[in-house]
């Protein structure tokens, strides 16, 4: 029996791709790193609000570029 290919949701060409790593710190709060898959640049964050703020500003920048 032939296997069907797995559908994949891939980003459009030339769109930014980020990897987000999360882990709990010693106090139980979330911290992590955002890594740009294209450049390898990493940005640390020390609370989820900082991650969400960065994602919103990055989305705004991307939308301005596409407009």
PDB file of N, CA and C in Angstrom:
ATOM      1  N   UNK A   1       0.833  -1.167   0.000  1.00  0.00           N
ATOM      2  CA  UNK A   1       0.000   0.000   0.000  1.00  0.00           C
ATOM      3  C   UNK A   1       0.895   1.253   0.000  1.00  0.00           C
ATOM      4  N   UNK A   2       0.629   2.174  -0.903  1.00  0.00           N
ATOM      5  CA  UNK A   2       1.431   3.395  -1.022  1.00  0.00           C
ATOM      6  C   UNK A   2       1.067   4.379   0.086  1.00  0.00           C
ATOM      7  N   UNK A   3       2.084   5.021   0.632  1.00  0.00           N
ATOM      8  CA  UNK A   3       1.837   6.025   1.664  1.00  0.00           C
ATOM      9  C   UNK A   3       1.493   7.357   1.011  1.00  0.00           C
ATOM     10  N   UNK A   4       0.553   8.045   1.612  1.00  0.00           N
ATOM     11  CA  UNK A   4       0.204   9.374   1.129  1.00  0.00           C
ATOM     12  C   UNK A   4       1.162  10.383   1.747  1.00  0.00           C
ATOM     13  N   UNK A   5       1.546  11.393   0.973  1.00  0.00           N
ATOM     14  CA  UNK A   5       2.433  12.408   1.551  1.00  0.00           C
ATOM     15  C   UNK A   5       1.728  13.166   2.675  1.00  0.00           C
ATOM     16  N   UNK A   6       2.494  13.522   3.668  1.00  0.00           N
ATOM     17  CA  UNK A   6       1.960  14.277   4.795  1.00  0.00           C
ATOM     18  C   UNK A   6       1.786  15.732   4.374  1.00  0.00           C
ATOM     19  N   UNK A   7       0.590  16.304   4.570  1.00  0.00           N
ATOM     20  CA  UNK A   7       0.425  17.720   4.229  1.00  0.00           C
ATOM     21  C   UNK A   7       1.261  18.579   5.174  1.00  0.00           C
ATOM     22  N   UNK A   8       1.864  19.600   4.639  1.00  0.00           N
ATOM     23  CA  UNK A   8       2.712  20.483   5.441  1.00  0.00           C
ATOM     24  C   UNK A   8       2.279  21.926   5.228  1.00  0.00           C
ATOM     25  N   UNK A   9       2.204  22.632   6.309  1.00  0.00           N
ATOM     26  CA  UNK A   9       1.916  24.060   6.242  1.00  0.00           C
ATOM     27  C   UNK A   9       3.247  24.792   6.293  1.00  0.00           C
ATOM     28  N   UNK A  10       3.736  25.182   5.143  1.00  0.00           N
ATOM     29  CA  UNK A  10       5.020  25.865   5.061  1.00  0.00           C
ATOM     30  C   UNK A  10       4.785  27.353   4.825  1.00  0.00           C
ATOM     31  N   UNK A  11       5.682  28.192   5.313  1.00  0.00           N
ATOM     32  CA  UNK A  11       5.514  29.631   5.101  1.00  0.00           C
ATOM     33  C   UNK A  11       5.733  29.985   3.632  1.00  0.00           C
ATOM     34  N   UNK A  12       5.142  31.088   3.194  1.00  0.00           N
ATOM     35  CA  UNK A  12       5.379  31.543   1.824  1.00  0.00           C
ATOM     36  C   UNK A  12       6.863  31.853   1.624  1.00  0.00           C
ATOM     37  N   UNK A  13       7.339  31.752   0.391  1.00  0.00           N
ATOM     38  CA  UNK A  13       8.746  32.072   0.124  1.00  0.00           C
ATOM     39  C   UNK A  13       9.085  33.489   0.593  1.00  0.00           C
ATOM     40  N   UNK A  14      10.281  33.650   1.112  1.00  0.00           N
ATOM     41  CA  UNK A  14      10.834  34.923   1.579  1.00  0.00           C
ATOM     42  C   UNK A  14      10.128  35.501   2.803  1.00  0.00           C
ATOM     43  N   UNK A  15       9.209  34.764   3.402  1.00  0.00           N
ATOM     44  CA  UNK A  15       8.598  35.275   4.632  1.00  0.00           C
ATOM     45  C   UNK A  15       9.496  34.909   5.811  1.00  0.00           C
ATOM     46  N   UNK A  16       9.461  35.704   6.878  1.00  0.00           N
ATOM     47  CA  UNK A  16      10.315  35.404   8.025  1.00  0.00           C
ATOM     48  C   UNK A  16       9.865  34.131   8.737  1.00  0.00           C
ATOM     49  N   UNK A  17      10.845  33.386   9.238  1.00  0.00           N
ATOM     50  CA  UNK A  17      10.570  32.163   9.999  1.00  0.00           C
ATOM     51  C   UNK A  17      11.359  32.265  11.300  1.00  0.00           C
ATOM     52  N   UNK A  18      10.659  32.058  12.417  1.00  0.00           N
ATOM     53  CA  UNK A  18      11.294  32.144  13.723  1.00  0.00           C
ATOM     54  C   UNK A  18      11.061  30.862  14.498  1.00  0.00           C
ATOM     55  N   UNK A  19      12.061  30.462  15.241  1.00  0.00           N
ATOM     56  CA  UNK A  19      11.945  29.338  16.163  1.00  0.00           C
ATOM     57  C   UNK A  19      11.872  29.929  17.567  1.00  0.00           C
ATOM     58  N   UNK A  20      10.905  29.486  18.339  1.00  0.00           N
ATOM     59  CA  UNK A  20      10.753  29.996  19.701  1.00  0.00           C
ATOM     60  C   UNK A  20      10.955  28.835  20.663  1.00  0.00           C
ATOM     61  N   UNK A  21      11.922  28.994  21.547  1.00  0.00           N
ATOM     62  CA  UNK A  21      12.211  27.993  22.571  1.00  0.00           C
ATOM     63  C   UNK A  21      11.724  28.534  23.907  1.00  0.00           C
ATOM     64  N   UNK A  22      10.936  27.740  24.618  1.00  0.00           N
ATOM     65  CA  UNK A  22      10.390  28.136  25.917  1.00  0.00           C
ATOM     66  C   UNK A  22      10.787  27.127  26.982  1.00  0.00           C
ATOM     67  N   UNK A  23      11.043  27.619  28.185  1.00  0.00           N
ATOM     68  CA  UNK A  23      11.280  26.731  29.315  1.00  0.00           C
ATOM     69  C   UNK A  23      10.950  27.492  30.594  1.00  0.00           C
ATOM     70  N   UNK A  24      10.569  26.778  31.653  1.00  0.00           N
ATOM     71  CA  UNK A  24      10.296  27.459  32.921  1.00  0.00           C
ATOM     72  C   UNK A  24      11.604  27.765  33.653  1.00  0.00           C
ATOM     73  N   UNK A  25      11.676  28.967  34.233  1.00  0.00           N
ATOM     74  CA  UNK A  25      12.859  29.292  35.029  1.00  0.00           C
ATOM     75  C   UNK A  25      12.701  28.698  36.427  1.00  0.00           C
ATOM     76  N   UNK A  26      13.631  28.994  37.305  1.00  0.00           N
ATOM     77  CA  UNK A  26      13.611  28.402  38.648  1.00  0.00           C
ATOM     78  C   UNK A  26      12.385  28.810  39.450  1.00  0.00           C
ATOM     79  N   UNK A  27      11.820  29.977  39.145  1.00  0.00           N
ATOM     80  CA  UNK A  27      10.638  30.459  39.866  1.00  0.00           C
ATOM     81  C   UNK A  27       9.340  29.982  39.213  1.00  0.00           C
ATOM     82  N   UNK A  28       9.449  29.247  38.104  1.00  0.00           N
ATOM     83  CA  UNK A  28       8.263  28.743  37.424  1.00  0.00           C
ATOM     84  C   UNK A  28       7.709  29.666  36.358  1.00  0.00           C
ATOM     85  N   UNK A  29       8.408  30.770  36.073  1.00  0.00           N
ATOM     86  CA  UNK A  29       7.987  31.683  35.013  1.00  0.00           C
ATOM     87  C   UNK A  29       8.608  31.244  33.690  1.00  0.00           C
ATOM     88  N   UNK A  30       7.932  31.556  32.597  1.00  0.00           N
ATOM     89  CA  UNK A  30       8.442  31.165  31.288  1.00  0.00           C
ATOM     90  C   UNK A  30       9.477  32.155  30.788  1.00  0.00           C
ATOM     91  N   UNK A  31      10.540  31.634  30.229  1.00  0.00           N
ATOM     92  CA  UNK A  31      11.542  32.438  29.540  1.00  0.00           C
ATOM     93  C   UNK A  31      11.969  31.659  28.310  1.00  0.00           C
ATOM     94  N   UNK A  32      12.770  32.269  27.469  1.00  0.00           N
ATOM     95  CA  UNK A  32      13.194  31.552  26.278  1.00  0.00           C
ATOM     96  C   UNK A  32      13.991  32.404  25.322  1.00  0.00           C
ATOM     97  N   UNK A  33      14.028  31.934  24.078  1.00  0.00           N
ATOM     98  CA  UNK A  33      14.771  32.605  23.014  1.00  0.00           C
ATOM     99  C   UNK A  33      13.950  32.556  21.739  1.00  0.00           C
ATOM    100  N   UNK A  34      14.087  33.609  20.956  1.00  0.00           N
ATOM    101  CA  UNK A  34      13.508  33.677  19.621  1.00  0.00           C
ATOM    102  C   UNK A  34      14.690  33.627  18.670  1.00  0.00           C
ATOM    103  N   UNK A  35      14.662  32.709  17.721  1.00  0.00           N
ATOM    104  CA  UNK A  35      15.767  32.588  16.776  1.00  0.00           C
ATOM    105  C   UNK A  35      15.249  32.801  15.362  1.00  0.00           C
ATOM    106  N   UNK A  36      15.893  33.706  14.639  1.00  0.00           N
ATOM    107  CA  UNK A  36      15.571  33.937  13.235  1.00  0.00           C
ATOM    108  C   UNK A  36      16.183  32.791  12.439  1.00  0.00           C
ATOM    109  N   UNK A  37      15.351  31.995  11.789  1.00  0.00           N
ATOM    110  CA  UNK A  37      15.836  30.809  11.082  1.00  0.00           C
ATOM    111  C   UNK A  37      16.737  31.169   9.907  1.00  0.00           C
ATOM    112  N   UNK A  38      16.549  32.342   9.332  1.00  0.00           N
ATOM    113  CA  UNK A  38      17.353  32.739   8.174  1.00  0.00           C
ATOM    114  C   UNK A  38      18.735  33.243   8.573  1.00  0.00           C
ATOM    115  N   UNK A  39      18.798  34.098   9.608  1.00  0.00           N
ATOM    116  CA  UNK A  39      20.067  34.726   9.979  1.00  0.00           C
ATOM    117  C   UNK A  39      20.764  34.055  11.154  1.00  0.00           C
ATOM    118  N   UNK A  40      20.005  33.301  11.947  1.00  0.00           N
ATOM    119  CA  UNK A  40      20.579  32.681  13.139  1.00  0.00           C
ATOM    120  C   UNK A  40      20.614  33.604  14.344  1.00  0.00           C
ATOM    121  N   UNK A  41      20.173  34.861  14.171  1.00  0.00           N
ATOM    122  CA  UNK A  41      20.161  35.821  15.267  1.00  0.00           C
ATOM    123  C   UNK A  41      19.188  35.366  16.351  1.00  0.00           C
ATOM    124  N   UNK A  42      19.626  35.410  17.606  1.00  0.00           N
ATOM    125  CA  UNK A  42      18.779  35.002  18.724  1.00  0.00           C
ATOM    126  C   UNK A  42      18.500  36.186  19.632  1.00  0.00           C
ATOM    127  N   UNK A  43      17.265  36.247  20.131  1.00  0.00           N
ATOM    128  CA  UNK A  43      16.861  37.279  21.077  1.00  0.00           C
ATOM    129  C   UNK A  43      16.297  36.585  22.314  1.00  0.00           C
ATOM    130  N   UNK A  44      16.859  36.839  23.479  1.00  0.00           N
ATOM    131  CA  UNK A  44      16.301  36.239  24.697  1.00  0.00           C
ATOM    132  C   UNK A  44      15.084  37.031  25.171  1.00  0.00           C
ATOM    133  N   UNK A  45      14.201  36.375  25.897  1.00  0.00           N
ATOM    134  CA  UNK A  45      13.114  37.064  26.586  1.00  0.00           C
ATOM    135  C   UNK A  45      12.929  36.379  27.932  1.00  0.00           C
ATOM    136  N   UNK A  46      12.422  37.140  28.889  1.00  0.00           N
ATOM    137  CA  UNK A  46      12.354  36.639  30.255  1.00  0.00           C
ATOM    138  C   UNK A  46      10.939  36.617  30.825  1.00  0.00           C
ATOM    139  N   UNK A  47       9.954  36.871  29.971  1.00  0.00           N
ATOM    140  CA  UNK A  47       8.553  36.734  30.366  1.00  0.00           C
ATOM    141  C   UNK A  47       7.723  36.618  29.098  1.00  0.00           C
ATOM    142  N   UNK A  48       6.579  35.954  29.197  1.00  0.00           N
ATOM    143  CA  UNK A  48       5.740  35.733  28.019  1.00  0.00           C
ATOM    144  C   UNK A  48       5.243  37.040  27.420  1.00  0.00           C
ATOM    145  N   UNK A  49       5.011  38.049  28.242  1.00  0.00           N
ATOM    146  CA  UNK A  49       4.550  39.335  27.727  1.00  0.00           C
ATOM    147  C   UNK A  49       5.581  39.931  26.772  1.00  0.00           C
ATOM    148  N   UNK A  50       6.859  39.759  27.061  1.00  0.00           N
ATOM    149  CA  UNK A  50       7.909  40.259  26.173  1.00  0.00           C
ATOM    150  C   UNK A  50       7.888  39.515  24.843  1.00  0.00           C
ATOM    151  N   UNK A  51       7.658  38.210  24.874  1.00  0.00           N
ATOM    152  CA  UNK A  51       7.548  37.427  23.642  1.00  0.00           C
ATOM    153  C   UNK A  51       6.360  37.904  22.818  1.00  0.00           C
ATOM    154  N   UNK A  52       5.197  38.057  23.452  1.00  0.00           N
ATOM    155  CA  UNK A  52       4.007  38.498  22.730  1.00  0.00           C
ATOM    156  C   UNK A  52       4.190  39.893  22.149  1.00  0.00           C
ATOM    157  N   UNK A  53       4.811  40.781  22.893  1.00  0.00           N
ATOM    158  CA  UNK A  53       5.076  42.132  22.405  1.00  0.00           C
ATOM    159  C   UNK A  53       5.993  42.096  21.189  1.00  0.00           C
ATOM    160  N   UNK A  54       7.040  41.286  21.249  1.00  0.00           N
ATOM    161  CA  UNK A  54       7.965  41.174  20.118  1.00  0.00           C
ATOM    162  C   UNK A  54       7.245  40.613  18.894  1.00  0.00           C
ATOM    163  N   UNK A  55       6.411  39.585  19.085  1.00  0.00           N
ATOM    164  CA  UNK A  55       5.677  38.995  17.965  1.00  0.00           C
ATOM    165  C   UNK A  55       4.735  40.011  17.322  1.00  0.00           C
ATOM    166  N   UNK A  56       4.051  40.807  18.126  1.00  0.00           N
ATOM    167  CA  UNK A  56       3.152  41.823  17.581  1.00  0.00           C
ATOM    168  C   UNK A  56       3.915  42.872  16.786  1.00  0.00           C
ATOM    169  N   UNK A  57       5.043  43.343  17.307  1.00  0.00           N
ATOM    170  CA  UNK A  57       5.817  44.353  16.581  1.00  0.00           C
ATOM    171  C   UNK A  57       6.412  43.771  15.304  1.00  0.00           C
ATOM    172  N   UNK A  58       6.822  42.524  15.340  1.00  0.00           N
ATOM    173  CA  UNK A  58       7.364  41.878  14.138  1.00  0.00           C
ATOM    174  C   UNK A  58       6.266  41.706  13.087  1.00  0.00           C
ATOM    175  N   UNK A  59       5.061  41.363  13.523  1.00  0.00           N
ATOM    176  CA  UNK A  59       3.939  41.237  12.589  1.00  0.00           C
ATOM    177  C   UNK A  59       3.614  42.593  11.963  1.00  0.00           C
ATOM    178  N   UNK A  60       3.647  43.656  12.755  1.00  0.00           N
ATOM    179  CA  UNK A  60       3.411  45.000  12.220  1.00  0.00           C
ATOM    180  C   UNK A  60       4.458  45.357  11.172  1.00  0.00           C
ATOM    181  N   UNK A  61       5.728  45.052  11.456  1.00  0.00           N
ATOM    182  CA  UNK A  61       6.800  45.323  10.488  1.00  0.00           C
ATOM    183  C   UNK A  61       6.591  44.548   9.197  1.00  0.00           C
ATOM    184  N   UNK A  62       6.216  43.284   9.317  1.00  0.00           N
ATOM    185  CA  UNK A  62       5.978  42.447   8.139  1.00  0.00           C
ATOM    186  C   UNK A  62       4.808  42.994   7.331  1.00  0.00           C
ATOM    187  N   UNK A  63       3.739  43.396   8.001  1.00  0.00           N
ATOM    188  CA  UNK A  63       2.577  43.947   7.301  1.00  0.00           C
ATOM    189  C   UNK A  63       2.925  45.239   6.575  1.00  0.00           C
ATOM    190  N   UNK A  64       3.763  46.088   7.181  1.00  0.00           N
ATOM    191  CA  UNK A  64       4.177  47.333   6.513  1.00  0.00           C
ATOM    192  C   UNK A  64       5.000  47.033   5.268  1.00  0.00           C
ATOM    193  N   UNK A  65       5.856  46.006   5.351  1.00  0.00           N
ATOM    194  CA  UNK A  65       6.673  45.636   4.187  1.00  0.00           C
ATOM    195  C   UNK A  65       5.812  45.145   3.034  1.00  0.00           C
ATOM    196  N   UNK A  66       4.737  44.415   3.355  1.00  0.00           N
ATOM    197  CA  UNK A  66       3.875  43.845   2.323  1.00  0.00           C
ATOM    198  C   UNK A  66       2.909  44.872   1.740  1.00  0.00           C
ATOM    199  N   UNK A  67       2.671  45.968   2.459  1.00  0.00           N
ATOM    200  CA  UNK A  67       1.701  46.984   1.991  1.00  0.00           C
ATOM    201  C   UNK A  67       2.264  47.842   0.882  1.00  0.00           C
TER     202      UNK A  67
END
